[in-house]
PDB file of N, CA and C in Angstrom:
ATOM      1  N   MET A   1     -11.702  -4.369  -5.767  1.00  0.00           N
ATOM      2  CA  MET A   1     -11.249  -3.038  -5.450  1.00  0.00           C
ATOM      3  C   MET A   1     -12.469  -2.119  -5.375  1.00  0.00           C
ATOM      4  N   VAL A   2     -12.478  -1.260  -4.397  1.00  0.00           N
ATOM      5  CA  VAL A   2     -13.568  -0.317  -4.213  1.00  0.00           C
ATOM      6  C   VAL A   2     -13.038   1.084  -4.490  1.00  0.00           C
ATOM      7  N   PHE A   3     -13.716   1.802  -5.343  1.00  0.00           N
ATOM      8  CA  PHE A   3     -13.287   3.165  -5.652  1.00  0.00           C
ATOM      9  C   PHE A   3     -13.893   4.123  -4.645  1.00  0.00           C
ATOM     10  N   PRO A   4     -13.175   5.185  -4.340  1.00  0.00           N
ATOM     11  CA  PRO A   4     -13.656   6.115  -3.310  1.00  0.00           C
ATOM     12  C   PRO A   4     -14.892   6.876  -3.748  1.00  0.00           C
ATOM     13  N   LYS A   5     -15.751   7.131  -2.800  1.00  0.00           N
ATOM     14  CA  LYS A   5     -16.915   7.971  -3.049  1.00  0.00           C
ATOM     15  C   LYS A   5     -16.700   9.259  -2.282  1.00  0.00           C
ATOM     16  N   SER A   6     -16.821  10.352  -2.970  1.00  0.00           N
ATOM     17  CA  SER A   6     -16.566  11.638  -2.344  1.00  0.00           C
ATOM     18  C   SER A   6     -17.691  11.977  -1.378  1.00  0.00           C
ATOM     19  N   LYS A   7     -17.310  12.428  -0.212  1.00  0.00           N
ATOM     20  CA  LYS A   7     -18.284  12.828   0.788  1.00  0.00           C
ATOM     21  C   LYS A   7     -17.747  14.074   1.480  1.00  0.00           C
ATOM     22  N   GLY A   8     -18.257  15.205   1.117  1.00  0.00           N
ATOM     23  CA  GLY A   8     -17.785  16.441   1.715  1.00  0.00           C
ATOM     24  C   GLY A   8     -16.371  16.795   1.309  1.00  0.00           C
ATOM     25  N   GLY A   9     -15.968  16.431   0.096  1.00  0.00           N
ATOM     26  CA  GLY A   9     -14.641  16.766  -0.391  1.00  0.00           C
ATOM     27  C   GLY A   9     -13.560  15.776   0.011  1.00  0.00           C
ATOM     28  N   ARG A  10     -13.901  14.768   0.791  1.00  0.00           N
ATOM     29  CA  ARG A  10     -12.914  13.770   1.215  1.00  0.00           C
ATOM     30  C   ARG A  10     -13.315  12.407   0.663  1.00  0.00           C
ATOM     31  N   SER A  11     -12.318  11.656   0.235  1.00  0.00           N
ATOM     32  CA  SER A  11     -12.619  10.326  -0.279  1.00  0.00           C
ATOM     33  C   SER A  11     -12.505   9.302   0.845  1.00  0.00           C
ATOM     34  N   ARG A  12     -13.204   8.209   0.682  1.00  0.00           N
ATOM     35  CA  ARG A  12     -13.190   7.137   1.679  1.00  0.00           C
ATOM     36  C   ARG A  12     -11.990   6.222   1.435  1.00  0.00           C
ATOM     37  N   TYR A  13     -11.705   5.379   2.392  1.00  0.00           N
ATOM     38  CA  TYR A  13     -10.605   4.430   2.312  1.00  0.00           C
ATOM     39  C   TYR A  13     -10.841   3.451   1.173  1.00  0.00           C
ATOM     40  N   ILE A  14      -9.844   3.227   0.353  1.00  0.00           N
ATOM     41  CA  ILE A  14      -9.938   2.304  -0.768  1.00  0.00           C
ATOM     42  C   ILE A  14      -9.499   0.926  -0.294  1.00  0.00           C
ATOM     43  N   LYS A  15     -10.351  -0.071  -0.478  1.00  0.00           N
ATOM     44  CA  LYS A  15     -10.033  -1.425  -0.050  1.00  0.00           C
ATOM     45  C   LYS A  15      -9.303  -2.166  -1.163  1.00  0.00           C
ATOM     46  N   ILE A  16      -8.120  -2.651  -0.826  1.00  0.00           N
ATOM     47  CA  ILE A  16      -7.320  -3.445  -1.752  1.00  0.00           C
ATOM     48  C   ILE A  16      -6.926  -4.713  -1.015  1.00  0.00           C
ATOM     49  N   ASP A  17      -7.024  -5.834  -1.688  1.00  0.00           N
ATOM     50  CA  ASP A  17      -6.643  -7.110  -1.083  1.00  0.00           C
ATOM     51  C   ASP A  17      -5.144  -7.094  -0.787  1.00  0.00           C
ATOM     52  N   PRO A  18      -4.754  -7.276   0.462  1.00  0.00           N
ATOM     53  CA  PRO A  18      -3.335  -7.256   0.820  1.00  0.00           C
ATOM     54  C   PRO A  18      -2.514  -8.313   0.071  1.00  0.00           C
ATOM     55  N   GLU A  19      -3.153  -9.409  -0.301  1.00  0.00           N
ATOM     56  CA  GLU A  19      -2.442 -10.451  -1.041  1.00  0.00           C
ATOM     57  C   GLU A  19      -1.970  -9.948  -2.399  1.00  0.00           C
ATOM     58  N   LYS A  20      -2.751  -9.064  -3.018  1.00  0.00           N
ATOM     59  CA  LYS A  20      -2.345  -8.503  -4.310  1.00  0.00           C
ATOM     60  C   LYS A  20      -1.082  -7.666  -4.162  1.00  0.00           C
ATOM     61  N   ILE A  21      -1.010  -6.903  -3.081  1.00  0.00           N
ATOM     62  CA  ILE A  21       0.187  -6.096  -2.831  1.00  0.00           C
ATOM     63  C   ILE A  21       1.359  -7.012  -2.494  1.00  0.00           C
ATOM     64  N   GLU A  22       1.101  -8.016  -1.643  1.00  0.00           N
ATOM     65  CA  GLU A  22       2.167  -8.937  -1.226  1.00  0.00           C
ATOM     66  C   GLU A  22       2.781  -9.662  -2.417  1.00  0.00           C
ATOM     67  N   LEU A  23       1.954 -10.161  -3.317  1.00  0.00           N
ATOM     68  CA  LEU A  23       2.473 -10.877  -4.491  1.00  0.00           C
ATOM     69  C   LEU A  23       3.389  -9.988  -5.320  1.00  0.00           C
ATOM     70  N   ARG A  24       3.010  -8.743  -5.482  1.00  0.00           N
ATOM     71  CA  ARG A  24       3.819  -7.821  -6.277  1.00  0.00           C
ATOM     72  C   ARG A  24       5.109  -7.430  -5.552  1.00  0.00           C
ATOM     73  N   LEU A  25       5.044  -7.301  -4.232  1.00  0.00           N
ATOM     74  CA  LEU A  25       6.261  -7.014  -3.467  1.00  0.00           C
ATOM     75  C   LEU A  25       7.249  -8.167  -3.575  1.00  0.00           C
ATOM     76  N   LEU A  26       6.735  -9.395  -3.530  1.00  0.00           N
ATOM     77  CA  LEU A  26       7.604 -10.564  -3.643  1.00  0.00           C
ATOM     78  C   LEU A  26       8.234 -10.679  -5.028  1.00  0.00           C
ATOM     79  N   LYS A  27       7.583 -10.103  -6.029  1.00  0.00           N
ATOM     80  CA  LYS A  27       8.135 -10.097  -7.390  1.00  0.00           C
ATOM     81  C   LYS A  27       9.024  -8.874  -7.633  1.00  0.00           C
ATOM     82  N   ASN A  28       9.317  -8.132  -6.553  1.00  0.00           N
ATOM     83  CA  ASN A  28      10.183  -6.942  -6.604  1.00  0.00           C
ATOM     84  C   ASN A  28       9.632  -5.812  -7.457  1.00  0.00           C
ATOM     85  N   TYR A  29       8.313  -5.658  -7.475  1.00  0.00           N
ATOM     86  CA  TYR A  29       7.708  -4.510  -8.131  1.00  0.00           C
ATOM     87  C   TYR A  29       7.995  -3.264  -7.297  1.00  0.00           C
ATOM     88  N   THR A  30       8.075  -2.125  -7.955  1.00  0.00           N
ATOM     89  CA  THR A  30       8.188  -0.864  -7.230  1.00  0.00           C
ATOM     90  C   THR A  30       6.795  -0.425  -6.783  1.00  0.00           C
ATOM     91  N   ILE A  31       6.755   0.528  -5.869  1.00  0.00           N
ATOM     92  CA  ILE A  31       5.464   1.049  -5.411  1.00  0.00           C
ATOM     93  C   ILE A  31       4.697   1.642  -6.587  1.00  0.00           C
ATOM     94  N   LYS A  32       5.396   2.334  -7.455  1.00  0.00           N
ATOM     95  CA  LYS A  32       4.747   2.939  -8.627  1.00  0.00           C
ATOM     96  C   LYS A  32       4.144   1.863  -9.540  1.00  0.00           C
ATOM     97  N   GLN A  33       4.857   0.763  -9.742  1.00  0.00           N
ATOM     98  CA  GLN A  33       4.343  -0.323 -10.577  1.00  0.00           C
ATOM     99  C   GLN A  33       3.118  -0.982  -9.944  1.00  0.00           C
ATOM    100  N   ILE A  34       3.168  -1.182  -8.630  1.00  0.00           N
ATOM    101  CA  ILE A  34       2.030  -1.776  -7.927  1.00  0.00           C
ATOM    102  C   ILE A  34       0.813  -0.867  -8.057  1.00  0.00           C
ATOM    103  N   ALA A  35       1.020   0.432  -7.860  1.00  0.00           N
ATOM    104  CA  ALA A  35      -0.080   1.394  -7.957  1.00  0.00           C
ATOM    105  C   ALA A  35      -0.693   1.399  -9.348  1.00  0.00           C
ATOM    106  N   GLN A  36       0.142   1.351 -10.374  1.00  0.00           N
ATOM    107  CA  GLN A  36      -0.374   1.335 -11.746  1.00  0.00           C
ATOM    108  C   GLN A  36      -1.165   0.063 -12.022  1.00  0.00           C
ATOM    109  N   ASP A  37      -0.662  -1.082 -11.556  1.00  0.00           N
ATOM    110  CA  ASP A  37      -1.370  -2.356 -11.756  1.00  0.00           C
ATOM    111  C   ASP A  37      -2.738  -2.364 -11.085  1.00  0.00           C
ATOM    112  N   LEU A  38      -2.817  -1.758  -9.888  1.00  0.00           N
ATOM    113  CA  LEU A  38      -4.066  -1.782  -9.129  1.00  0.00           C
ATOM    114  C   LEU A  38      -4.945  -0.567  -9.394  1.00  0.00           C
ATOM    115  N   GLY A  39      -4.454   0.393 -10.156  1.00  0.00           N
ATOM    116  CA  GLY A  39      -5.262   1.554 -10.521  1.00  0.00           C
ATOM    117  C   GLY A  39      -5.475   2.548  -9.398  1.00  0.00           C
ATOM    118  N   VAL A  40      -4.468   2.687  -8.531  1.00  0.00           N
ATOM    119  CA  VAL A  40      -4.555   3.637  -7.424  1.00  0.00           C
ATOM    120  C   VAL A  40      -3.284   4.481  -7.377  1.00  0.00           C
ATOM    121  N   ALA A  41      -3.268   5.465  -6.497  1.00  0.00           N
ATOM    122  CA  ALA A  41      -2.102   6.322  -6.330  1.00  0.00           C
ATOM    123  C   ALA A  41      -1.037   5.600  -5.498  1.00  0.00           C
ATOM    124  N   PRO A  42       0.245   5.896  -5.736  1.00  0.00           N
ATOM    125  CA  PRO A  42       1.306   5.305  -4.922  1.00  0.00           C
ATOM    126  C   PRO A  42       1.134   5.578  -3.423  1.00  0.00           C
ATOM    127  N   LYS A  43       0.609   6.736  -3.083  1.00  0.00           N
ATOM    128  CA  LYS A  43       0.380   7.073  -1.677  1.00  0.00           C
ATOM    129  C   LYS A  43      -0.595   6.082  -1.037  1.00  0.00           C
ATOM    130  N   THR A  44      -1.561   5.598  -1.806  1.00  0.00           N
ATOM    131  CA  THR A  44      -2.524   4.617  -1.314  1.00  0.00           C
ATOM    132  C   THR A  44      -1.822   3.300  -0.981  1.00  0.00           C
ATOM    133  N   ILE A  45      -0.873   2.907  -1.822  1.00  0.00           N
ATOM    134  CA  ILE A  45      -0.114   1.684  -1.575  1.00  0.00           C
ATOM    135  C   ILE A  45       0.715   1.834  -0.304  1.00  0.00           C
ATOM    136  N   TYR A  46       1.389   2.986  -0.151  1.00  0.00           N
ATOM    137  CA  TYR A  46       2.155   3.234   1.077  1.00  0.00           C
ATOM    138  C   TYR A  46       1.247   3.155   2.308  1.00  0.00           C
ATOM    139  N   LYS A  47       0.055   3.709   2.220  1.00  0.00           N
ATOM    140  CA  LYS A  47      -0.888   3.699   3.338  1.00  0.00           C
ATOM    141  C   LYS A  47      -1.250   2.264   3.721  1.00  0.00           C
ATOM    142  N   HIS A  48      -1.520   1.431   2.720  1.00  0.00           N
ATOM    143  CA  HIS A  48      -1.872   0.032   2.986  1.00  0.00           C
ATOM    144  C   HIS A  48      -0.684  -0.722   3.585  1.00  0.00           C
ATOM    145  N   ILE A  49       0.518  -0.448   3.102  1.00  0.00           N
ATOM    146  CA  ILE A  49       1.709  -1.105   3.645  1.00  0.00           C
ATOM    147  C   ILE A  49       1.930  -0.679   5.093  1.00  0.00           C
ATOM    148  N   ASP A  50       1.781   0.602   5.373  1.00  0.00           N
ATOM    149  CA  ASP A  50       1.976   1.105   6.737  1.00  0.00           C
ATOM    150  C   ASP A  50       0.921   0.570   7.705  1.00  0.00           C
ATOM    151  N   ASP A  51      -0.286   0.323   7.216  1.00  0.00           N
ATOM    152  CA  ASP A  51      -1.383  -0.146   8.067  1.00  0.00           C
ATOM    153  C   ASP A  51      -1.337  -1.652   8.338  1.00  0.00           C
ATOM    154  N   ASP A  52      -0.654  -2.416   7.504  1.00  0.00           N
ATOM    155  CA  ASP A  52      -0.604  -3.871   7.629  1.00  0.00           C
ATOM    156  C   ASP A  52       0.782  -4.297   8.124  1.00  0.00           C
ATOM    157  N   LYS A  53       0.835  -4.926   9.298  1.00  0.00           N
ATOM    158  CA  LYS A  53       2.129  -5.298   9.893  1.00  0.00           C
ATOM    159  C   LYS A  53       2.916  -6.266   9.011  1.00  0.00           C
ATOM    160  N   HIS A  54       2.222  -7.234   8.416  1.00  0.00           N
ATOM    161  CA  HIS A  54       2.908  -8.214   7.560  1.00  0.00           C
ATOM    162  C   HIS A  54       3.514  -7.538   6.329  1.00  0.00           C
ATOM    163  N   LEU A  55       2.735  -6.701   5.670  1.00  0.00           N
ATOM    164  CA  LEU A  55       3.249  -5.991   4.494  1.00  0.00           C
ATOM    165  C   LEU A  55       4.373  -5.040   4.873  1.00  0.00           C
ATOM    166  N   SER A  56       4.241  -4.417   6.032  1.00  0.00           N
ATOM    167  CA  SER A  56       5.258  -3.485   6.496  1.00  0.00           C
ATOM    168  C   SER A  56       6.590  -4.197   6.716  1.00  0.00           C
ATOM    169  N   LYS A  57       6.548  -5.370   7.359  1.00  0.00           N
ATOM    170  CA  LYS A  57       7.774  -6.141   7.558  1.00  0.00           C
ATOM    171  C   LYS A  57       8.363  -6.586   6.233  1.00  0.00           C
ATOM    172  N   LEU A  58       7.509  -6.984   5.307  1.00  0.00           N
ATOM    173  CA  LEU A  58       7.962  -7.439   3.998  1.00  0.00           C
ATOM    174  C   LEU A  58       8.626  -6.308   3.219  1.00  0.00           C
ATOM    175  N   PHE A  59       8.040  -5.115   3.286  1.00  0.00           N
ATOM    176  CA  PHE A  59       8.539  -3.985   2.506  1.00  0.00           C
ATOM    177  C   PHE A  59       9.740  -3.305   3.160  1.00  0.00           C
ATOM    178  N   TYR A  60       9.643  -3.029   4.460  1.00  0.00           N
ATOM    179  CA  TYR A  60      10.681  -2.268   5.147  1.00  0.00           C
ATOM    180  C   TYR A  60      11.739  -3.144   5.801  1.00  0.00           C
ATOM    181  N   GLY A  61      11.478  -4.410   5.980  1.00  0.00           N
ATOM    182  CA  GLY A  61      12.403  -5.296   6.669  1.00  0.00           C
ATOM    183  C   GLY A  61      11.924  -5.568   8.083  1.00  0.00           C
ATOM    184  N   THR A  62      12.585  -6.487   8.737  1.00  0.00           N
ATOM    185  CA  THR A  62      12.112  -6.913  10.056  1.00  0.00           C
ATOM    186  C   THR A  62      12.492  -5.962  11.173  1.00  0.00           C
ATOM    187  N   ASN A  63      13.425  -5.047  10.962  1.00  0.00           N
ATOM    188  CA  ASN A  63      13.875  -4.159  12.029  1.00  0.00           C
ATOM    189  C   ASN A  63      13.071  -2.879  12.142  1.00  0.00           C
ATOM    190  N   THR A  64      12.150  -2.639  11.230  1.00  0.00           N
ATOM    191  CA  THR A  64      11.365  -1.409  11.261  1.00  0.00           C
ATOM    192  C   THR A  64      10.001  -1.716  11.856  1.00  0.00           C
ATOM    193  N   PHE A  65       9.626  -0.978  12.892  1.00  0.00           N
ATOM    194  CA  PHE A  65       8.379  -1.248  13.574  1.00  0.00           C
ATOM    195  C   PHE A  65       7.330  -0.156  13.346  1.00  0.00           C
ATOM    196  N   TYR A  66       7.752   1.023  12.957  1.00  0.00           N
ATOM    197  CA  TYR A  66       6.821   2.155  12.903  1.00  0.00           C
ATOM    198  C   TYR A  66       6.750   2.787  11.521  1.00  0.00           C
ATOM    199  N   GLY A  67       6.624   2.015  10.481  1.00  0.00           N
ATOM    200  CA  GLY A  67       6.417   2.586   9.155  1.00  0.00           C
ATOM    201  C   GLY A  67       7.706   2.922   8.440  1.00  0.00           C
ATOM    202  N   ARG A  68       7.644   3.911   7.592  1.00  0.00           N
ATOM    203  CA  ARG A  68       8.734   4.256   6.692  1.00  0.00           C
ATOM    204  C   ARG A  68       9.996   4.670   7.444  1.00  0.00           C
ATOM    205  N   GLN A  69      11.124   4.303   6.845  1.00  0.00           N
ATOM    206  CA  GLN A  69      12.408   4.699   7.405  1.00  0.00           C
ATOM    207  C   GLN A  69      12.775   6.081   6.895  1.00  0.00           C
ATOM    208  N   GLU A  70      13.357   6.874   7.764  1.00  0.00           N
ATOM    209  CA  GLU A  70      13.839   8.200   7.368  1.00  0.00           C
ATOM    210  C   GLU A  70      15.231   8.041   6.780  1.00  0.00           C
ATOM    211  N   THR A  71      15.517   8.784   5.714  1.00  0.00           N
ATOM    212  CA  THR A  71      16.840   8.707   5.107  1.00  0.00           C
ATOM    213  C   THR A  71      17.663   9.917   5.444  1.00  0.00           C
TER     214      THR A  71
END
């Protein structure tokens, strides 16, 4: 895991191994639990899920193509 380095008030992208997120999703962890285990914010986990097609299908289901579902 790489921690962000501040540059002009903005942090850089945090690299997390997608397999770590996938394993926790398969064990039915919540986003909050995954974030706590990996030491990042829940928003960071959502960002990684939205950016990775495999994780996105795993989390949102096979019918969602463009990220989070609106309720």
